[in-house]
Amino acid sequence: MGKYLCVDLGATSGRVMEVEFKDAKISLKELGRFPTEGTKLPFDNGFKLVWDIPSFWKDIQNILSRVKEASSIAVDGWGVDFALLDRKGRLMKLPSHYRDIEHMDKAEEVINELGREKIFLETGIQIMPINTLYQVYALWKNSPYILENSSALLMIPDLFTYFLSGQKICEYTNATTTQMYRVAKDEWAKELLQSLSLPAHFLLPVTRPGEAIGKVRKSLNILKNTRVVATGSHDTASAIVGTPMTEDSIYISSGTWSLVGIEIDQPLINAETLQNNFTNEGGVGKVTFLKNITGMWIFEECRREWNKSLQELLQVRDIKSSAVIDVDEARFQTPGNMPGKIVSYLKETGQKVPESILETVRILFESLALKYRWVIEKIEKLTGKKYSRIHIVGGGAKNEFLNQLVADVTGKTVYAGPYEATTIGSSIVQMLSLGEISSIEEGREIIRNSFELKLYQPGENIFAEKYDLFKKLLKE
């Protein structure tokens, strides 16, 4: 029995959650929430998109100052972005946002120099221009003095773990998202960095999820005697721990990004996996074999432009549409005028332009469900195994229309929930660390007994024609 604090940093908001384990069940309480969207800082000829770390830290401290006691605390967040500390442990610069265009422009240079095959076979990680490897390369090309004078690279959750504990770590699950780590060999890919003439002195030994880091710094005057634990600091890793799935399950962690995949014992790294651009990320005791898909990002960008409420935009059940988009097409990855980008894509691909906002929403949700089906079919082909159920967790699991759409499009049973899988998974890792439970399986059984899952059975599949069109757009 105990109380566990989870600092969960998302790409648009962060929050501090309290998880109580009592009478073989867990319950959640939100202690506070704060915005985390990127900040545009202007310079001579443009702007730099960064993370406002001091603001996030101030908000976290304010929330934690109201907490009297807790058994432990852990921090999770998004992958690929990082902070650099100098030789005195001070933050050297505000971390770049993964959607900043500077490193995206440099990614092609790295891929052309090394080749996609070499990068993937070395790391096992999906090639995406947002990855840490390309960010480090861009920094080395544009501002080499920063890397030269750095002493430690910390992923974003690790930075806040450092602020809390005073201990510099690089936790395993998030380290694997960098595309600078050899998942199959369980070591940093230093030879890959050397082939790009990149330094590696700032790479720390990797810390495993569940390791106790220490206690909260006394100088903070908060949370006396509270342990700091390294959880699955990549939010996807924690979300997977918090998904009460079985061996025949596909998971979808649905938020700004949709992570669609399975748990496996060993990484799956071969030419076919590379061709389909799947990733092998470190999980808690497993490898997470998955594909990153642009999730609710496009919808949220459109909603910002339309200035409409979520409730208004979900009234799409009776709306008809004939068009589809590839949600991962390059133009949809950067912010700004998202409705206009959708129209231009549809015109370029010879499709009918939507006549209303709700028709655009319908197109987005159907396209996302079709992309899920495409990815799941690839997983089944690559693994030689059929999966009968899909577990959708995260904020996107609240979207009942999309959940039913996924069941209809894929022909599989969908279980939605728990919505707070990341926080729940982080607390399960903390319980393991403190000896409250003995295994992930025991933790998942506790989750099943603590939260009600919503079931969606597949109905009539009326999407065969649209799926054929969708595959043509992907040039299949």
Protein backbone atom coordinates (compact mmCIF):
# COMPACT_ATOMS: atom_id res chain seq x y z
CA MET A 1 0.00 0.00 0.00
CA GLY A 2 1.34 3.41 -0.92
CA LYS A 3 1.03 6.58 -2.90
CA TYR A 4 3.05 7.13 -6.06
CA LEU A 5 3.56 10.39 -7.92
CA CYS A 6 3.82 10.44 -11.69
CA VAL A 7 5.01 13.49 -13.61
CA ASP A 8 3.73 12.92 -17.13
CA LEU A 9 5.03 15.34 -19.77
CA GLY A 10 3.10 15.43 -23.03
CA ALA A 11 3.71 17.42 -26.18
CA THR A 12 0.82 19.80 -25.44
CA SER A 13 0.30 19.48 -21.68
CA GLY A 14 1.92 18.05 -18.59
CA ARG A 15 0.41 16.96 -15.31
CA VAL A 16 1.26 15.49 -11.95
CA MET A 17 -0.85 12.49 -10.94
CA GLU A 18 -1.13 10.67 -7.64
CA VAL A 19 -1.70 6.92 -7.80
CA GLU A 20 -2.84 5.13 -4.66
CA PHE A 21 -2.49 1.37 -4.29
CA LYS A 22 -4.95 0.05 -1.72
CA ASP A 23 -6.96 -3.16 -1.29
CA ALA A 24 -5.41 -4.68 -4.44
CA LYS A 25 -6.70 -1.82 -6.60
CA ILE A 26 -5.25 1.44 -7.84
CA SER A 27 -6.97 4.81 -8.03
CA LEU A 28 -5.89 8.06 -9.67
CA LYS A 29 -6.03 11.69 -8.66
CA GLU A 30 -4.88 14.58 -10.82
CA LEU A 31 -2.94 17.07 -8.69
CA GLY A 32 -2.30 19.67 -11.36
CA ARG A 33 -1.87 20.31 -15.07
CA PHE A 34 0.11 22.83 -17.10
CA PRO A 35 0.70 23.68 -20.79
CA THR A 36 3.82 22.35 -22.53
CA GLU A 37 3.47 23.49 -26.12
CA GLY A 38 6.62 24.58 -27.91
CA THR A 39 7.71 28.21 -27.82
CA LYS A 40 8.80 30.12 -30.93
CA LEU A 41 11.88 32.26 -30.27
CA PRO A 42 12.64 34.75 -33.10
CA PHE A 43 16.13 35.31 -34.47
CA ASP A 44 17.59 37.22 -37.44
CA ASN A 45 15.89 35.36 -40.28
CA GLY A 46 13.23 33.18 -38.70
CA PHE A 47 12.41 31.45 -35.44
CA LYS A 48 13.57 28.53 -33.32
CA LEU A 49 10.99 26.17 -31.81
CA VAL A 50 12.08 25.22 -28.28
CA TRP A 51 10.76 23.78 -25.02
CA ASP A 52 10.29 26.27 -22.17
CA ILE A 53 11.96 24.09 -19.53
CA PRO A 54 12.07 26.75 -16.75
CA SER A 55 8.31 27.26 -17.06
CA PHE A 56 7.62 23.52 -16.89
CA TRP A 57 9.87 23.14 -13.84
CA LYS A 58 8.20 26.03 -12.05
CA ASP A 59 4.76 24.49 -12.65
CA ILE A 60 5.91 21.06 -11.45
CA GLN A 61 7.40 22.50 -8.24
CA ASN A 62 4.24 24.48 -7.52
CA ILE A 63 2.12 21.34 -7.79
CA LEU A 64 4.49 19.18 -5.75
CA SER A 65 4.73 21.79 -2.99
CA ARG A 66 1.11 20.95 -2.10
CA VAL A 67 1.83 17.23 -1.62
CA LYS A 68 2.45 16.13 1.97
CA GLU A 69 3.97 12.70 1.37
CA ALA A 70 4.49 9.99 -1.24
CA SER A 71 6.34 6.69 -1.43
CA SER A 72 8.09 7.61 -4.68
CA ILE A 73 8.02 9.83 -7.73
CA ALA A 74 8.95 9.24 -11.37
CA VAL A 75 8.98 11.29 -14.58
CA ASP A 76 7.97 10.18 -18.07
CA GLY A 77 7.59 12.11 -21.31
CA TRP A 78 8.02 12.11 -25.04
CA GLY A 79 11.06 10.69 -26.82
CA VAL A 80 13.82 12.00 -29.12
CA ASP A 81 14.26 15.49 -27.58
CA PHE A 82 17.15 16.11 -25.20
CA ALA A 83 18.95 18.59 -22.97
CA LEU A 84 22.67 19.22 -22.57
CA LEU A 85 24.43 20.00 -19.29
CA ASP A 86 27.76 21.77 -18.96
CA ARG A 87 30.63 20.62 -16.74
CA LYS A 88 28.96 22.12 -13.68
CA GLY A 89 25.64 20.42 -14.36
CA ARG A 90 23.93 23.54 -15.70
CA LEU A 91 21.47 23.57 -18.59
CA MET A 92 23.35 24.85 -21.64
CA LYS A 93 20.42 25.80 -23.88
CA LEU A 94 16.67 25.41 -24.17
CA PRO A 95 16.07 22.04 -25.84
CA SER A 96 14.89 22.10 -29.45
CA HIS A 97 11.36 20.94 -30.22
CA TYR A 98 11.22 17.84 -32.41
CA ARG A 99 9.12 19.76 -34.96
CA ASP A 100 11.77 22.48 -35.39
CA ILE A 101 12.70 22.63 -39.07
CA GLU A 102 16.46 23.07 -38.54
CA HIS A 103 17.24 19.43 -37.81
CA MET A 104 14.56 18.16 -40.18
CA ASP A 105 16.51 19.78 -43.00
CA LYS A 106 19.71 18.04 -41.82
CA ALA A 107 18.17 14.56 -41.60
CA GLU A 108 18.43 14.04 -45.36
CA GLU A 109 22.18 14.80 -45.23
CA VAL A 110 22.73 12.02 -42.67
CA ILE A 111 20.56 9.54 -44.56
CA ASN A 112 22.34 10.30 -47.85
CA GLU A 113 25.77 9.97 -46.23
CA LEU A 114 25.18 6.72 -44.32
CA GLY A 115 22.23 5.13 -46.10
CA ARG A 116 18.95 4.07 -44.53
CA GLU A 117 20.05 0.43 -44.31
CA LYS A 118 23.17 1.16 -42.25
CA ILE A 119 21.29 3.42 -39.84
CA PHE A 120 18.45 0.96 -39.30
CA LEU A 121 20.53 -2.21 -39.08
CA GLU A 122 22.76 -0.52 -36.49
CA THR A 123 19.95 0.81 -34.31
CA GLY A 124 16.70 -0.97 -35.18
CA ILE A 125 14.87 2.35 -34.93
CA GLN A 126 12.33 3.79 -37.38
CA ILE A 127 13.91 6.49 -39.54
CA MET A 128 12.15 9.77 -38.83
CA PRO A 129 13.60 13.27 -39.33
CA ILE A 130 12.68 14.17 -35.74
CA ASN A 131 15.06 11.60 -34.23
CA THR A 132 17.80 12.65 -31.82
CA LEU A 133 20.54 11.54 -34.20
CA TYR A 134 19.58 14.24 -36.69
CA GLN A 135 19.14 16.84 -33.98
CA VAL A 136 22.65 16.15 -32.67
CA TYR A 137 24.04 16.26 -36.20
CA ALA A 138 22.36 19.64 -36.86
CA LEU A 139 23.71 21.03 -33.60
CA TRP A 140 27.23 19.82 -34.43
CA LYS A 141 27.08 21.44 -37.87
CA ASN A 142 25.57 24.74 -36.71
CA SER A 143 26.87 25.22 -33.16
CA PRO A 144 29.70 22.72 -32.50
CA TYR A 145 30.94 24.61 -29.43
CA ILE A 146 27.79 23.58 -27.53
CA LEU A 147 28.45 19.87 -27.96
CA GLU A 148 32.17 20.33 -27.38
CA ASN A 149 31.56 21.91 -23.97
CA SER A 150 28.74 19.62 -22.85
CA SER A 151 29.23 16.96 -20.19
CA ALA A 152 25.94 15.03 -20.35
CA LEU A 153 23.02 14.43 -22.68
CA LEU A 154 19.76 13.88 -20.82
CA MET A 155 16.45 13.04 -22.43
CA ILE A 156 13.64 15.41 -21.40
CA PRO A 157 12.18 13.23 -18.60
CA ASP A 158 15.73 12.55 -17.34
CA LEU A 159 16.33 16.29 -17.08
CA PHE A 160 13.47 16.64 -14.61
CA THR A 161 14.62 13.52 -12.77
CA TYR A 162 17.95 15.34 -12.40
CA PHE A 163 16.24 18.48 -11.14
CA LEU A 164 14.39 16.38 -8.56
CA SER A 165 17.19 14.09 -7.42
CA GLY A 166 20.50 15.68 -8.38
CA GLN A 167 21.40 12.46 -10.24
CA LYS A 168 22.27 12.54 -13.95
CA ILE A 169 20.80 9.52 -15.76
CA CYS A 170 19.84 8.43 -19.26
CA GLU A 171 17.02 5.94 -18.86
CA TYR A 172 16.95 2.95 -21.21
CA THR A 173 13.51 3.21 -22.86
CA ASN A 174 14.03 6.83 -23.86
CA ALA A 175 17.67 6.29 -24.83
CA THR A 176 16.51 3.82 -27.47
CA THR A 177 14.36 6.49 -29.18
CA THR A 178 17.48 8.50 -30.09
CA GLN A 179 18.54 6.31 -33.03
CA MET A 180 21.96 6.47 -31.38
CA TYR A 181 21.49 3.24 -29.42
CA ARG A 182 21.95 -0.33 -30.63
CA VAL A 183 18.88 -2.08 -29.25
CA ALA A 184 20.05 -5.54 -30.34
CA LYS A 185 23.48 -5.10 -28.69
CA ASP A 186 22.20 -3.03 -25.76
CA GLU A 187 24.83 -0.31 -26.12
CA TRP A 188 25.33 3.17 -27.55
CA ALA A 189 26.00 3.16 -31.32
CA LYS A 190 29.27 5.06 -30.97
CA GLU A 191 30.66 3.75 -34.26
CA LEU A 192 27.63 5.22 -36.04
CA LEU A 193 28.38 8.60 -34.48
CA GLN A 194 32.04 8.31 -35.39
CA SER A 195 31.12 7.69 -39.04
CA LEU A 196 29.47 11.15 -38.96
CA SER A 197 32.43 12.64 -37.07
CA LEU A 198 30.14 13.29 -34.11
CA PRO A 199 31.48 13.32 -30.54
CA ALA A 200 30.10 10.87 -27.99
CA HIS A 201 31.66 12.04 -24.70
CA PHE A 202 28.29 13.30 -23.45
CA LEU A 203 26.58 9.87 -23.55
CA LEU A 204 25.92 8.49 -20.05
CA PRO A 205 25.69 4.86 -18.95
CA VAL A 206 22.11 3.69 -19.40
CA THR A 207 19.82 3.34 -16.37
CA ARG A 208 17.17 0.60 -16.35
CA PRO A 209 13.48 1.25 -15.62
CA GLY A 210 12.73 0.41 -12.00
CA GLU A 211 16.11 1.53 -10.65
CA ALA A 212 15.96 3.68 -7.54
CA ILE A 213 17.82 6.94 -8.23
CA GLY A 214 17.87 8.43 -4.75
CA LYS A 215 15.62 10.80 -2.85
CA VAL A 216 14.21 14.20 -3.67
CA ARG A 217 16.81 16.92 -3.07
CA LYS A 218 16.51 18.43 0.40
CA SER A 219 17.22 21.87 -1.05
CA LEU A 220 13.87 21.79 -2.87
CA ASN A 221 11.96 21.69 0.44
CA ILE A 222 9.34 19.34 -0.97
CA LEU A 223 8.52 15.63 -0.62
CA LYS A 224 10.79 14.77 2.31
CA ASN A 225 12.09 11.17 2.19
CA THR A 226 10.35 10.49 -1.14
CA ARG A 227 12.28 8.13 -3.40
CA VAL A 228 12.98 9.07 -7.02
CA VAL A 229 12.60 6.09 -9.36
CA ALA A 230 13.52 5.68 -13.02
CA THR A 231 10.31 4.52 -14.65
CA GLY A 232 9.82 3.67 -18.29
CA SER A 233 10.62 7.32 -18.97
CA HIS A 234 9.49 7.16 -22.59
CA ASP A 235 5.75 7.69 -22.22
CA THR A 236 5.06 4.94 -24.76
CA ALA A 237 6.97 2.40 -22.65
CA SER A 238 4.96 3.34 -19.56
CA ALA A 239 1.69 3.32 -21.52
CA ILE A 240 2.40 -0.23 -22.71
CA VAL A 241 3.04 -1.38 -19.13
CA GLY A 242 -0.31 0.22 -18.25
CA THR A 243 -2.16 -1.64 -21.02
CA PRO A 244 -3.90 -4.77 -19.67
CA MET A 245 -3.30 -6.77 -22.83
CA THR A 246 -2.65 -10.42 -23.56
CA GLU A 247 -0.29 -12.14 -26.00
CA ASP A 248 -2.75 -11.91 -28.90
CA SER A 249 -3.11 -8.13 -28.53
CA ILE A 250 -2.10 -5.16 -30.62
CA TYR A 251 -1.73 -1.94 -28.63
CA ILE A 252 -2.49 1.57 -29.85
CA SER A 253 -1.31 4.38 -27.59
CA SER A 254 -3.44 7.18 -28.94
CA GLY A 255 -2.59 10.84 -28.50
CA THR A 256 -0.72 13.49 -30.49
CA TRP A 257 1.06 10.47 -31.95
CA SER A 258 -0.43 7.02 -32.36
CA LEU A 259 1.95 4.20 -31.48
CA VAL A 260 0.77 0.91 -32.97
CA GLY A 261 2.60 -2.25 -32.06
CA ILE A 262 3.25 -5.37 -30.00
CA GLU A 263 5.64 -6.58 -27.31
CA ILE A 264 8.38 -9.00 -28.36
CA ASP A 265 11.34 -10.62 -26.59
CA GLN A 266 14.01 -9.77 -29.17
CA PRO A 267 14.23 -6.93 -31.72
CA LEU A 268 13.07 -7.65 -35.26
CA ILE A 269 15.70 -6.06 -37.48
CA ASN A 270 15.81 -7.07 -41.14
CA ALA A 271 15.38 -5.68 -44.64
CA GLU A 272 11.59 -6.10 -44.62
CA THR A 273 11.26 -4.27 -41.31
CA LEU A 274 13.38 -1.46 -42.73
CA GLN A 275 11.30 -1.34 -45.90
CA ASN A 276 8.16 -0.80 -43.81
CA ASN A 277 9.95 1.61 -41.44
CA PHE A 278 9.08 -0.09 -38.16
CA THR A 279 10.93 0.55 -34.92
CA ASN A 280 12.34 -1.59 -32.10
CA GLU A 281 12.28 0.53 -28.96
CA GLY A 282 13.28 -0.52 -25.49
CA GLY A 283 10.40 -1.41 -23.22
CA VAL A 284 10.12 -2.46 -19.59
CA GLY A 285 11.43 -6.02 -19.74
CA LYS A 286 10.48 -6.35 -23.43
CA VAL A 287 11.16 -4.81 -26.83
CA THR A 288 8.33 -2.70 -28.20
CA PHE A 289 7.97 -3.39 -31.92
CA LEU A 290 5.85 -0.61 -33.33
CA LYS A 291 5.28 2.11 -35.85
CA ASN A 292 4.88 5.79 -35.03
CA ILE A 293 1.87 7.28 -36.80
CA THR A 294 0.73 10.88 -36.79
CA GLY A 295 -2.26 10.69 -34.45
CA MET A 296 -4.55 13.44 -33.19
CA TRP A 297 -1.98 16.12 -34.12
CA ILE A 298 -3.64 16.93 -37.47
CA PHE A 299 -7.10 17.10 -35.88
CA GLU A 300 -5.89 19.33 -33.03
CA GLU A 301 -4.11 21.65 -35.47
CA CYS A 302 -7.30 21.92 -37.50
CA ARG A 303 -9.38 22.52 -34.37
CA ARG A 304 -7.07 25.39 -33.45
CA GLU A 305 -7.66 26.96 -36.86
CA TRP A 306 -11.42 26.38 -36.76
CA ASN A 307 -11.79 27.53 -33.14
CA LYS A 308 -14.49 24.92 -32.54
CA SER A 309 -15.22 22.86 -29.45
CA LEU A 310 -14.37 19.17 -29.35
CA GLN A 311 -18.04 18.30 -28.83
CA GLU A 312 -19.04 20.19 -31.99
CA LEU A 313 -16.43 18.44 -34.10
CA LEU A 314 -17.32 14.91 -32.98
CA GLN A 315 -20.83 15.06 -34.50
CA VAL A 316 -19.70 13.16 -37.59
CA ARG A 317 -21.51 9.83 -37.35
CA ASP A 318 -23.95 10.68 -40.16
CA ILE A 319 -21.47 12.63 -42.30
CA LYS A 320 -20.39 11.08 -45.60
CA SER A 321 -17.00 11.41 -47.27
CA SER A 322 -15.23 9.78 -50.17
CA ALA A 323 -11.68 11.06 -49.69
CA VAL A 324 -8.73 9.80 -47.63
CA ILE A 325 -5.30 11.15 -46.74
CA ASP A 326 -2.01 9.61 -45.62
CA VAL A 327 -1.70 11.11 -42.13
CA ASP A 328 2.08 10.64 -42.26
CA GLU A 329 2.62 12.66 -45.43
CA ALA A 330 5.41 15.20 -44.88
CA ARG A 331 3.29 18.36 -45.17
CA PHE A 332 1.18 17.32 -42.16
CA GLN A 333 4.17 17.12 -39.81
CA THR A 334 4.69 20.85 -39.27
CA PRO A 335 2.27 23.35 -37.70
CA GLY A 336 0.26 25.99 -39.53
CA ASN A 337 -2.78 26.10 -41.87
CA MET A 338 -3.56 22.40 -41.50
CA PRO A 339 -7.02 22.63 -43.17
CA GLY A 340 -5.37 24.24 -46.19
CA LYS A 341 -2.76 21.48 -46.32
CA ILE A 342 -5.51 18.86 -46.37
CA VAL A 343 -7.26 20.62 -49.28
CA SER A 344 -4.02 20.89 -51.27
CA TYR A 345 -3.26 17.19 -50.66
CA LEU A 346 -6.72 16.14 -51.86
CA LYS A 347 -6.47 18.30 -54.98
CA GLU A 348 -3.02 16.93 -55.82
CA THR A 349 -4.27 13.35 -55.46
CA GLY A 350 -7.38 13.97 -57.58
CA GLN A 351 -9.89 13.62 -54.76
CA LYS A 352 -13.03 15.53 -53.84
CA VAL A 353 -12.45 18.54 -51.57
CA PRO A 354 -14.66 18.48 -48.43
CA GLU A 355 -17.62 20.81 -48.39
CA SER A 356 -17.73 21.29 -44.62
CA ILE A 357 -15.60 21.20 -41.49
CA LEU A 358 -17.35 18.02 -40.30
CA GLU A 359 -16.59 16.27 -43.59
CA THR A 360 -12.92 17.12 -43.06
CA VAL A 361 -13.11 15.62 -39.55
CA ARG A 362 -14.66 12.46 -40.96
CA ILE A 363 -11.85 12.21 -43.51
CA LEU A 364 -9.25 12.55 -40.75
CA PHE A 365 -10.74 9.85 -38.51
CA GLU A 366 -11.33 7.40 -41.35
CA SER A 367 -7.80 7.96 -42.65
CA LEU A 368 -6.35 7.31 -39.19
CA ALA A 369 -8.33 4.07 -38.84
CA LEU A 370 -7.21 2.96 -42.32
CA LYS A 371 -3.57 3.65 -41.39
CA TYR A 372 -4.03 1.54 -38.26
CA ARG A 373 -5.28 -1.34 -40.41
CA TRP A 374 -2.35 -0.98 -42.79
CA VAL A 375 0.17 -1.05 -39.93
CA ILE A 376 -1.52 -4.00 -38.21
CA GLU A 377 -1.47 -6.01 -41.44
CA LYS A 378 2.25 -5.28 -41.76
CA ILE A 379 2.86 -6.42 -38.17
CA GLU A 380 1.02 -9.68 -38.83
CA LYS A 381 3.02 -10.28 -41.99
CA LEU A 382 6.38 -9.44 -40.38
CA THR A 383 5.75 -11.62 -37.32
CA GLY A 384 3.80 -14.41 -39.03
CA LYS A 385 1.16 -14.15 -36.32
CA LYS A 386 -2.49 -13.08 -36.26
CA TYR A 387 -3.80 -10.80 -33.54
CA SER A 388 -7.46 -10.89 -32.55
CA ARG A 389 -7.82 -7.83 -30.35
CA ILE A 390 -6.71 -4.22 -30.18
CA HIS A 391 -6.19 -2.30 -26.94
CA ILE A 392 -6.47 1.46 -27.35
CA VAL A 393 -5.17 3.53 -24.44
CA GLY A 394 -4.39 7.19 -23.84
CA GLY A 395 -6.52 10.26 -24.41
CA GLY A 396 -7.59 9.11 -27.86
CA ALA A 397 -9.33 6.11 -26.29
CA LYS A 398 -12.11 8.48 -25.20
CA ASN A 399 -13.10 9.01 -28.85
CA GLU A 400 -15.97 6.52 -29.13
CA PHE A 401 -16.59 7.23 -32.80
CA LEU A 402 -12.97 6.54 -33.71
CA ASN A 403 -12.85 3.40 -31.53
CA GLN A 404 -15.85 1.90 -33.36
CA LEU A 405 -14.34 2.98 -36.66
CA VAL A 406 -11.14 1.09 -35.81
CA ALA A 407 -13.12 -2.05 -34.98
CA ASP A 408 -15.08 -1.80 -38.25
CA VAL A 409 -12.07 -1.05 -40.45
CA THR A 410 -9.77 -3.71 -38.96
CA GLY A 411 -12.40 -6.38 -38.26
CA LYS A 412 -10.94 -6.86 -34.76
CA THR A 413 -12.38 -6.48 -31.28
CA VAL A 414 -11.34 -3.20 -29.68
CA TYR A 415 -10.91 -2.61 -25.95
CA ALA A 416 -10.68 1.07 -25.00
CA GLY A 417 -9.01 2.14 -21.79
CA PRO A 418 -7.61 2.83 -19.39
CA TYR A 419 -7.27 6.41 -20.59
CA GLU A 420 -4.42 7.18 -18.18
CA ALA A 421 -2.30 4.18 -19.20
CA THR A 422 0.97 6.13 -19.11
CA THR A 423 0.48 7.25 -15.52
CA ILE A 424 -0.75 3.81 -14.50
CA GLY A 425 2.23 2.12 -16.16
CA SER A 426 4.66 4.52 -14.48
CA SER A 427 3.13 3.71 -11.09
CA ILE A 428 3.35 -0.05 -11.80
CA VAL A 429 7.11 0.32 -12.42
CA GLN A 430 7.43 2.27 -9.17
CA MET A 431 5.54 -0.46 -7.29
CA LEU A 432 7.91 -3.05 -8.77
CA SER A 433 10.89 -0.97 -7.69
CA LEU A 434 9.60 -0.70 -4.12
CA GLY A 435 8.59 -4.38 -3.90
CA GLU A 436 4.83 -3.78 -3.73
CA ILE A 437 4.24 -6.17 -6.63
CA SER A 438 6.40 -8.87 -8.19
CA SER A 439 5.81 -8.61 -11.96
CA ILE A 440 4.31 -6.65 -14.83
CA GLU A 441 1.73 -9.43 -15.21
CA GLU A 442 0.61 -8.91 -11.61
CA GLY A 443 0.40 -5.18 -12.30
CA ARG A 444 -1.77 -5.73 -15.38
CA GLU A 445 -4.12 -7.96 -13.39
CA ILE A 446 -4.47 -5.13 -10.85
CA ILE A 447 -5.28 -2.77 -13.73
CA ARG A 448 -8.01 -5.11 -15.02
CA ASN A 449 -9.55 -5.17 -11.56
CA SER A 450 -9.30 -1.41 -11.12
CA PHE A 451 -10.63 0.03 -14.39
CA GLU A 452 -13.54 -0.75 -16.67
CA LEU A 453 -12.63 -1.28 -20.32
CA LYS A 454 -15.12 -0.41 -23.05
CA LEU A 455 -15.69 -3.06 -25.71
CA TYR A 456 -16.26 -2.36 -29.44
CA GLN A 457 -17.18 -5.25 -31.72
CA PRO A 458 -16.58 -4.91 -35.47
CA GLY A 459 -19.65 -4.29 -37.59
CA GLU A 460 -20.11 -4.48 -41.33
CA ASN A 461 -16.91 -3.57 -43.17
CA ILE A 462 -17.91 -0.93 -45.71
CA PHE A 463 -14.37 0.37 -46.17
CA ALA A 464 -12.92 -2.05 -48.74
CA GLU A 465 -13.02 0.51 -51.57
CA LYS A 466 -11.53 3.26 -49.42
CA TYR A 467 -8.80 0.93 -48.22
CA ASP A 468 -7.85 0.15 -51.81
CA LEU A 469 -7.65 3.89 -52.50
CA PHE A 470 -5.62 4.39 -49.32
CA LYS A 471 -3.07 1.76 -50.36
CA LYS A 472 -2.75 3.41 -53.77
CA LEU A 473 -1.90 6.68 -52.04
CA LEU A 474 0.85 4.78 -50.18
CA LYS A 475 1.96 3.44 -53.60
CA GLU A 476 1.25 -0.18 -52.68
